[in-house]
Amino acid sequence: MATATAFTAIPLPLSGEDQARADLYALLSRLLLAAPDGPLLDALAAADPVCAEGGDLALEQAWEQLTLASGVMDPDAVLDEFDTLFISIGTPPVNPYGSRYLSGFMNDTPLAELRADLARLGIQRAPGVGESEDHLGSLCETMRVLAAGAPGIARQPVARQQQFFETHVAPWYARCVADIASAEGANYYRLVARLAGAFLDIEAEAFAVGAAVPD
């Protein structure tokens, strides 16, 4: 999403847990920004089970349901569902943008504040990307970059990841995934929403616990 970072690169080690977080953020970003094609559905259908740290059953069950559904879904049917939910003529049933949830309006103050924070991190929207930065899929991609780094962008310390998450994701993601899950016509994306909600709940809890632990 960007070509440079405003911070000096920090050689932070990437643990297996953080790589798993980054991978799941990347998958959610991909699924929220575009319908999965046949190869991605096949890959999900063949994916190993998720064993969440602490035995989080919500995440494990959401992953199992999504992978099972991926094995039987027709790519064209998923594409039609995606278009119906997110791109239909007029106002789509679901608009997964932070500004809409935080202020009631698209492209409002929350988006401007987000762009200012992204600029400080050296992250900008890639050329040709149609969705604004406050799309939930775009924010998942940003969290992936913060957690794992990217070419020219340093991996950020947990405290900075937490600050970004709690400012730009935590206040509204639960309402958004609930709207996706309950939208008329949501079949495959009901399961995507469940996975997103379960994972982001874990992230929110982990950040809160981390903040409560004294240095």
C-alpha atoms as a PDB file:
ATOM      1  CA  MET A   1       0.000   0.000   0.000  1.00  0.00           C
ATOM      2  CA  ALA A   2       2.965   2.326   0.291  1.00  0.00           C
ATOM      3  CA  THR A   3       6.448   2.952  -0.962  1.00  0.00           C
ATOM      4  CA  ALA A   4       8.151   4.501   2.060  1.00  0.00           C
ATOM      5  CA  THR A   5       7.880   4.767   5.803  1.00  0.00           C
ATOM      6  CA  ALA A   6       8.175   7.814   7.974  1.00  0.00           C
ATOM      7  CA  PHE A   7       9.883   5.761  10.686  1.00  0.00           C
ATOM      8  CA  THR A   8      13.351   4.318  10.879  1.00  0.00           C
ATOM      9  CA  ALA A   9      13.177   0.608  10.104  1.00  0.00           C
ATOM     10  CA  ILE A  10      13.195  -1.436  13.300  1.00  0.00           C
ATOM     11  CA  PRO A  11      14.582  -4.980  12.991  1.00  0.00           C
ATOM     12  CA  LEU A  12      11.777  -6.491  15.041  1.00  0.00           C
ATOM     13  CA  PRO A  13      11.693 -10.292  14.935  1.00  0.00           C
ATOM     14  CA  LEU A  14       8.553 -11.772  13.405  1.00  0.00           C
ATOM     15  CA  SER A  15       7.229 -14.589  15.557  1.00  0.00           C
ATOM     16  CA  GLY A  16       5.123 -17.435  14.278  1.00  0.00           C
ATOM     17  CA  GLU A  17       2.136 -15.941  16.046  1.00  0.00           C
ATOM     18  CA  ASP A  18       2.606 -12.580  14.353  1.00  0.00           C
ATOM     19  CA  GLN A  19       3.040 -14.252  10.976  1.00  0.00           C
ATOM     20  CA  ALA A  20      -0.230 -16.105  11.542  1.00  0.00           C
ATOM     21  CA  ARG A  21      -1.924 -12.816  12.470  1.00  0.00           C
ATOM     22  CA  ALA A  22      -0.574 -11.168   9.338  1.00  0.00           C
ATOM     23  CA  ASP A  23      -1.692 -14.070   7.166  1.00  0.00           C
ATOM     24  CA  LEU A  24      -5.219 -13.961   8.544  1.00  0.00           C
ATOM     25  CA  TYR A  25      -5.395 -10.194   8.107  1.00  0.00           C
ATOM     26  CA  ALA A  26      -4.256 -10.697   4.497  1.00  0.00           C
ATOM     27  CA  LEU A  27      -6.949 -13.303   3.864  1.00  0.00           C
ATOM     28  CA  LEU A  28      -9.702 -11.155   5.365  1.00  0.00           C
ATOM     29  CA  SER A  29      -8.541  -8.201   3.299  1.00  0.00           C
ATOM     30  CA  ARG A  30      -8.667 -10.287   0.136  1.00  0.00           C
ATOM     31  CA  LEU A  31     -12.143 -11.647   0.885  1.00  0.00           C
ATOM     32  CA  LEU A  32     -13.604  -8.292   1.905  1.00  0.00           C
ATOM     33  CA  LEU A  33     -12.244  -6.405  -1.095  1.00  0.00           C
ATOM     34  CA  ALA A  34     -13.143  -8.937  -3.794  1.00  0.00           C
ATOM     35  CA  ALA A  35     -14.953 -12.221  -4.208  1.00  0.00           C
ATOM     36  CA  PRO A  36     -12.719 -15.287  -4.004  1.00  0.00           C
ATOM     37  CA  ASP A  37     -11.940 -16.957  -7.317  1.00  0.00           C
ATOM     38  CA  GLY A  38     -11.816 -20.701  -7.917  1.00  0.00           C
ATOM     39  CA  PRO A  39      -8.162 -21.199  -6.908  1.00  0.00           C
ATOM     40  CA  LEU A  40      -8.671 -19.332  -3.624  1.00  0.00           C
ATOM     41  CA  LEU A  41     -11.797 -21.335  -2.827  1.00  0.00           C
ATOM     42  CA  ASP A  42      -9.853 -24.523  -3.543  1.00  0.00           C
ATOM     43  CA  ALA A  43      -6.980 -23.393  -1.329  1.00  0.00           C
ATOM     44  CA  LEU A  44      -9.361 -22.592   1.516  1.00  0.00           C
ATOM     45  CA  ALA A  45     -11.127 -25.918   1.139  1.00  0.00           C
ATOM     46  CA  ALA A  46      -7.768 -27.703   1.490  1.00  0.00           C
ATOM     47  CA  ALA A  47      -6.507 -25.548   4.358  1.00  0.00           C
ATOM     48  CA  ASP A  48      -5.521 -27.061   7.675  1.00  0.00           C
ATOM     49  CA  PRO A  49      -7.686 -26.441  10.743  1.00  0.00           C
ATOM     50  CA  VAL A  50      -6.906 -23.393  12.853  1.00  0.00           C
ATOM     51  CA  CYS A  51      -5.796 -24.033  16.412  1.00  0.00           C
ATOM     52  CA  ALA A  52      -6.320 -20.706  18.110  1.00  0.00           C
ATOM     53  CA  GLU A  53      -4.115 -19.853  21.066  1.00  0.00           C
ATOM     54  CA  GLY A  54      -6.053 -20.496  24.235  1.00  0.00           C
ATOM     55  CA  GLY A  55      -8.463 -22.731  22.351  1.00  0.00           C
ATOM     56  CA  ASP A  56     -10.721 -19.957  21.074  1.00  0.00           C
ATOM     57  CA  LEU A  57     -13.653 -21.996  19.798  1.00  0.00           C
ATOM     58  CA  ALA A  58     -15.306 -19.098  17.971  1.00  0.00           C
ATOM     59  CA  LEU A  59     -12.314 -18.660  15.667  1.00  0.00           C
ATOM     60  CA  GLU A  60     -11.785 -22.391  15.191  1.00  0.00           C
ATOM     61  CA  GLN A  61     -15.448 -22.977  14.368  1.00  0.00           C
ATOM     62  CA  ALA A  62     -15.660 -19.971  12.043  1.00  0.00           C
ATOM     63  CA  TRP A  63     -12.599 -21.195  10.169  1.00  0.00           C
ATOM     64  CA  GLU A  64     -13.975 -24.723   9.878  1.00  0.00           C
ATOM     65  CA  GLN A  65     -17.304 -23.456   8.557  1.00  0.00           C
ATOM     66  CA  LEU A  66     -15.626 -21.213   5.989  1.00  0.00           C
ATOM     67  CA  THR A  67     -13.267 -23.894   4.723  1.00  0.00           C
ATOM     68  CA  LEU A  68     -16.097 -26.423   4.416  1.00  0.00           C
ATOM     69  CA  ALA A  69     -18.234 -23.934   2.509  1.00  0.00           C
ATOM     70  CA  SER A  70     -15.313 -23.064   0.236  1.00  0.00           C
ATOM     71  CA  GLY A  71     -15.240 -26.679  -0.924  1.00  0.00           C
ATOM     72  CA  VAL A  72     -18.807 -26.608  -2.227  1.00  0.00           C
ATOM     73  CA  MET A  73     -19.316 -23.000  -3.348  1.00  0.00           C
ATOM     74  CA  ASP A  74     -19.411 -22.155  -7.033  1.00  0.00           C
ATOM     75  CA  PRO A  75     -17.113 -19.177  -7.802  1.00  0.00           C
ATOM     76  CA  ASP A  76     -19.772 -17.505  -9.943  1.00  0.00           C
ATOM     77  CA  ALA A  77     -22.308 -17.798  -7.130  1.00  0.00           C
ATOM     78  CA  VAL A  78     -19.875 -16.206  -4.668  1.00  0.00           C
ATOM     79  CA  LEU A  79     -19.180 -13.407  -7.147  1.00  0.00           C
ATOM     80  CA  ASP A  80     -22.903 -12.748  -7.565  1.00  0.00           C
ATOM     81  CA  GLU A  81     -23.304 -12.699  -3.793  1.00  0.00           C
ATOM     82  CA  PHE A  82     -20.401 -10.258  -3.373  1.00  0.00           C
ATOM     83  CA  ASP A  83     -21.833  -7.933  -6.016  1.00  0.00           C
ATOM     84  CA  THR A  84     -25.290  -8.074  -4.430  1.00  0.00           C
ATOM     85  CA  LEU A  85     -23.991  -7.259  -0.960  1.00  0.00           C
ATOM     86  CA  PHE A  86     -21.343  -4.663  -1.708  1.00  0.00           C
ATOM     87  CA  ILE A  87     -21.670  -3.317  -5.262  1.00  0.00           C
ATOM     88  CA  SER A  88     -25.368  -3.353  -6.173  1.00  0.00           C
ATOM     89  CA  ILE A  89     -26.858  -0.450  -8.122  1.00  0.00           C
ATOM     90  CA  GLY A  90     -27.827   2.359  -5.789  1.00  0.00           C
ATOM     91  CA  THR A  91     -26.981   1.907  -2.127  1.00  0.00           C
ATOM     92  CA  PRO A  92     -25.578  -1.570  -1.437  1.00  0.00           C
ATOM     93  CA  PRO A  93     -26.967  -3.507   1.534  1.00  0.00           C
ATOM     94  CA  VAL A  94     -23.570  -3.227   3.240  1.00  0.00           C
ATOM     95  CA  ASN A  95     -21.123  -0.329   3.116  1.00  0.00           C
ATOM     96  CA  PRO A  96     -18.094  -1.526   5.131  1.00  0.00           C
ATOM     97  CA  TYR A  97     -16.505   1.897   5.594  1.00  0.00           C
ATOM     98  CA  GLY A  98     -15.396   3.331   8.900  1.00  0.00           C
ATOM     99  CA  SER A  99     -16.687   6.833   8.166  1.00  0.00           C
ATOM    100  CA  ARG A 100     -20.210   5.544   7.653  1.00  0.00           C
ATOM    101  CA  TYR A 101     -20.215   3.717  10.971  1.00  0.00           C
ATOM    102  CA  LEU A 102     -18.412   6.382  12.985  1.00  0.00           C
ATOM    103  CA  SER A 103     -20.066   9.528  11.648  1.00  0.00           C
ATOM    104  CA  GLY A 104     -23.000   8.353   9.551  1.00  0.00           C
ATOM    105  CA  PHE A 105     -21.529   9.693   6.325  1.00  0.00           C
ATOM    106  CA  MET A 106     -19.152   8.335   3.708  1.00  0.00           C
ATOM    107  CA  ASN A 107     -15.792  10.080   3.209  1.00  0.00           C
ATOM    108  CA  ASP A 108     -16.203  12.063   6.395  1.00  0.00           C
ATOM    109  CA  THR A 109     -13.895  13.207   9.202  1.00  0.00           C
ATOM    110  CA  PRO A 110     -12.879   9.683  10.318  1.00  0.00           C
ATOM    111  CA  LEU A 111     -11.432   9.052   6.842  1.00  0.00           C
ATOM    112  CA  ALA A 112      -9.449  12.295   6.969  1.00  0.00           C
ATOM    113  CA  GLU A 113      -8.074  11.362  10.399  1.00  0.00           C
ATOM    114  CA  LEU A 114      -7.201   7.881   9.158  1.00  0.00           C
ATOM    115  CA  ARG A 115      -5.355   9.296   6.156  1.00  0.00           C
ATOM    116  CA  ALA A 116      -3.353  11.558   8.448  1.00  0.00           C
ATOM    117  CA  ASP A 117      -2.295   8.576  10.579  1.00  0.00           C
ATOM    118  CA  LEU A 118      -1.434   6.539   7.478  1.00  0.00           C
ATOM    119  CA  ALA A 119       0.699   9.408   6.187  1.00  0.00           C
ATOM    120  CA  ARG A 120       2.623   9.462   9.467  1.00  0.00           C
ATOM    121  CA  LEU A 121       3.226   5.733   9.017  1.00  0.00           C
ATOM    122  CA  GLY A 122       4.302   6.223   5.416  1.00  0.00           C
ATOM    123  CA  ILE A 123       1.371   4.190   4.086  1.00  0.00           C
ATOM    124  CA  GLN A 124      -0.743   5.329   1.169  1.00  0.00           C
ATOM    125  CA  ARG A 125      -3.377   3.838  -1.090  1.00  0.00           C
ATOM    126  CA  ALA A 126      -1.836   1.949  -3.991  1.00  0.00           C
ATOM    127  CA  PRO A 127      -2.495   3.306  -7.507  1.00  0.00           C
ATOM    128  CA  GLY A 128      -5.589   1.799  -9.078  1.00  0.00           C
ATOM    129  CA  VAL A 129      -7.215   0.784  -5.796  1.00  0.00           C
ATOM    130  CA  GLY A 130     -10.839   1.860  -5.878  1.00  0.00           C
ATOM    131  CA  GLU A 131     -11.831   1.432  -2.245  1.00  0.00           C
ATOM    132  CA  SER A 132     -11.023   4.164   0.240  1.00  0.00           C
ATOM    133  CA  GLU A 133      -8.654   3.549   3.122  1.00  0.00           C
ATOM    134  CA  ASP A 134     -11.448   3.176   5.694  1.00  0.00           C
ATOM    135  CA  HIS A 135     -12.914   0.103   3.980  1.00  0.00           C
ATOM    136  CA  LEU A 136     -12.700  -2.796   6.439  1.00  0.00           C
ATOM    137  CA  GLY A 137     -10.726  -4.817   3.897  1.00  0.00           C
ATOM    138  CA  SER A 138      -8.256  -1.983   3.430  1.00  0.00           C
ATOM    139  CA  LEU A 139      -7.842  -1.652   7.173  1.00  0.00           C
ATOM    140  CA  CYS A 140      -7.133  -5.380   7.448  1.00  0.00           C
ATOM    141  CA  GLU A 141      -4.386  -4.930   4.865  1.00  0.00           C
ATOM    142  CA  THR A 142      -2.984  -2.011   6.850  1.00  0.00           C
ATOM    143  CA  MET A 143      -2.949  -4.127  10.004  1.00  0.00           C
ATOM    144  CA  ARG A 144      -1.108  -6.839   8.060  1.00  0.00           C
ATOM    145  CA  VAL A 145       1.560  -4.327   7.099  1.00  0.00           C
ATOM    146  CA  LEU A 146       1.856  -3.021  10.644  1.00  0.00           C
ATOM    147  CA  ALA A 147       2.191  -6.564  11.999  1.00  0.00           C
ATOM    148  CA  ALA A 148       4.596  -7.980   9.405  1.00  0.00           C
ATOM    149  CA  GLY A 149       6.050  -5.061   7.499  1.00  0.00           C
ATOM    150  CA  ALA A 150       6.229  -4.688   3.737  1.00  0.00           C
ATOM    151  CA  PRO A 151       8.830  -3.609   1.169  1.00  0.00           C
ATOM    152  CA  GLY A 152      10.022  -0.181   2.320  1.00  0.00           C
ATOM    153  CA  ILE A 153       7.756  -0.220   5.373  1.00  0.00           C
ATOM    154  CA  ALA A 154       9.023  -1.201   8.796  1.00  0.00           C
ATOM    155  CA  ARG A 155       7.118  -3.627  10.950  1.00  0.00           C
ATOM    156  CA  GLN A 156       5.624  -1.577  13.765  1.00  0.00           C
ATOM    157  CA  PRO A 157       5.866  -2.230  17.517  1.00  0.00           C
ATOM    158  CA  VAL A 158       2.817  -3.744  19.194  1.00  0.00           C
ATOM    159  CA  ALA A 159       2.003  -0.448  20.896  1.00  0.00           C
ATOM    160  CA  ARG A 160       1.666   1.288  17.537  1.00  0.00           C
ATOM    161  CA  GLN A 161      -0.387  -1.595  16.140  1.00  0.00           C
ATOM    162  CA  GLN A 162      -2.660  -1.323  19.161  1.00  0.00           C
ATOM    163  CA  GLN A 163      -3.048   2.440  18.808  1.00  0.00           C
ATOM    164  CA  PHE A 164      -4.034   2.103  15.164  1.00  0.00           C
ATOM    165  CA  PHE A 165      -6.421  -0.781  15.810  1.00  0.00           C
ATOM    166  CA  GLU A 166      -8.145   0.861  18.756  1.00  0.00           C
ATOM    167  CA  THR A 167      -8.528   4.157  16.895  1.00  0.00           C
ATOM    168  CA  HIS A 168      -9.582   3.030  13.439  1.00  0.00           C
ATOM    169  CA  VAL A 169     -10.920  -0.547  13.698  1.00  0.00           C
ATOM    170  CA  ALA A 170     -12.191  -1.368  17.179  1.00  0.00           C
ATOM    171  CA  PRO A 171     -14.946   1.285  17.439  1.00  0.00           C
ATOM    172  CA  TRP A 172     -16.985  -0.099  14.544  1.00  0.00           C
ATOM    173  CA  TYR A 173     -15.902  -3.495  13.207  1.00  0.00           C
ATOM    174  CA  ALA A 174     -18.414  -5.465  15.305  1.00  0.00           C
ATOM    175  CA  ARG A 175     -21.369  -3.550  13.878  1.00  0.00           C
ATOM    176  CA  CYS A 176     -20.012  -3.954  10.375  1.00  0.00           C
ATOM    177  CA  VAL A 177     -19.497  -7.720  10.506  1.00  0.00           C
ATOM    178  CA  ALA A 178     -22.904  -8.107  12.137  1.00  0.00           C
ATOM    179  CA  ASP A 179     -24.457  -6.192   9.227  1.00  0.00           C
ATOM    180  CA  ILE A 180     -22.665  -8.417   6.709  1.00  0.00           C
ATOM    181  CA  ALA A 181     -23.730 -11.589   8.513  1.00  0.00           C
ATOM    182  CA  SER A 182     -27.383 -10.540   8.717  1.00  0.00           C
ATOM    183  CA  ALA A 183     -27.705  -9.012   5.238  1.00  0.00           C
ATOM    184  CA  GLU A 184     -30.292 -10.590   2.965  1.00  0.00           C
ATOM    185  CA  GLY A 185     -28.518 -12.859   0.504  1.00  0.00           C
ATOM    186  CA  ALA A 186     -25.437 -13.341   2.672  1.00  0.00           C
ATOM    187  CA  ASN A 187     -24.513 -16.986   2.389  1.00  0.00           C
ATOM    188  CA  TYR A 188     -20.785 -17.425   1.964  1.00  0.00           C
ATOM    189  CA  TYR A 189     -20.153 -13.911   3.281  1.00  0.00           C
ATOM    190  CA  ARG A 190     -22.064 -14.668   6.440  1.00  0.00           C
ATOM    191  CA  LEU A 191     -19.227 -17.074   7.182  1.00  0.00           C
ATOM    192  CA  VAL A 192     -16.572 -14.555   6.158  1.00  0.00           C
ATOM    193  CA  ALA A 193     -18.146 -12.093   8.591  1.00  0.00           C
ATOM    194  CA  ARG A 194     -18.090 -14.656  11.386  1.00  0.00           C
ATOM    195  CA  LEU A 195     -14.417 -15.329  10.790  1.00  0.00           C
ATOM    196  CA  ALA A 196     -13.628 -11.617  10.694  1.00  0.00           C
ATOM    197  CA  GLY A 197     -15.561 -10.963  13.880  1.00  0.00           C
ATOM    198  CA  ALA A 198     -13.976 -13.863  15.765  1.00  0.00           C
ATOM    199  CA  PHE A 199     -10.460 -12.871  14.756  1.00  0.00           C
ATOM    200  CA  LEU A 200     -10.887  -9.159  15.414  1.00  0.00           C
ATOM    201  CA  ASP A 201     -12.420  -9.953  18.808  1.00  0.00           C
ATOM    202  CA  ILE A 202      -9.238 -11.873  19.647  1.00  0.00           C
ATOM    203  CA  GLU A 203      -7.111  -8.957  18.487  1.00  0.00           C
ATOM    204  CA  ALA A 204      -9.097  -6.491  20.593  1.00  0.00           C
ATOM    205  CA  GLU A 205      -8.824  -8.704  23.669  1.00  0.00           C
ATOM    206  CA  ALA A 206      -5.108  -9.319  23.163  1.00  0.00           C
ATOM    207  CA  PHE A 207      -4.374  -5.625  22.832  1.00  0.00           C
ATOM    208  CA  ALA A 208      -6.441  -4.856  25.936  1.00  0.00           C
ATOM    209  CA  VAL A 209      -4.667  -7.531  27.980  1.00  0.00           C
ATOM    210  CA  GLY A 210      -1.293  -6.326  26.752  1.00  0.00           C
ATOM    211  CA  ALA A 211      -2.080  -2.779  27.751  1.00  0.00           C
ATOM    212  CA  ALA A 212      -3.090  -3.931  31.234  1.00  0.00           C
ATOM    213  CA  VAL A 213       0.186  -5.736  31.842  1.00  0.00           C
ATOM    214  CA  PRO A 214       2.674  -3.400  33.613  1.00  0.00           C
ATOM    215  CA  ASP A 215       6.114  -2.950  32.065  1.00  0.00           C
END
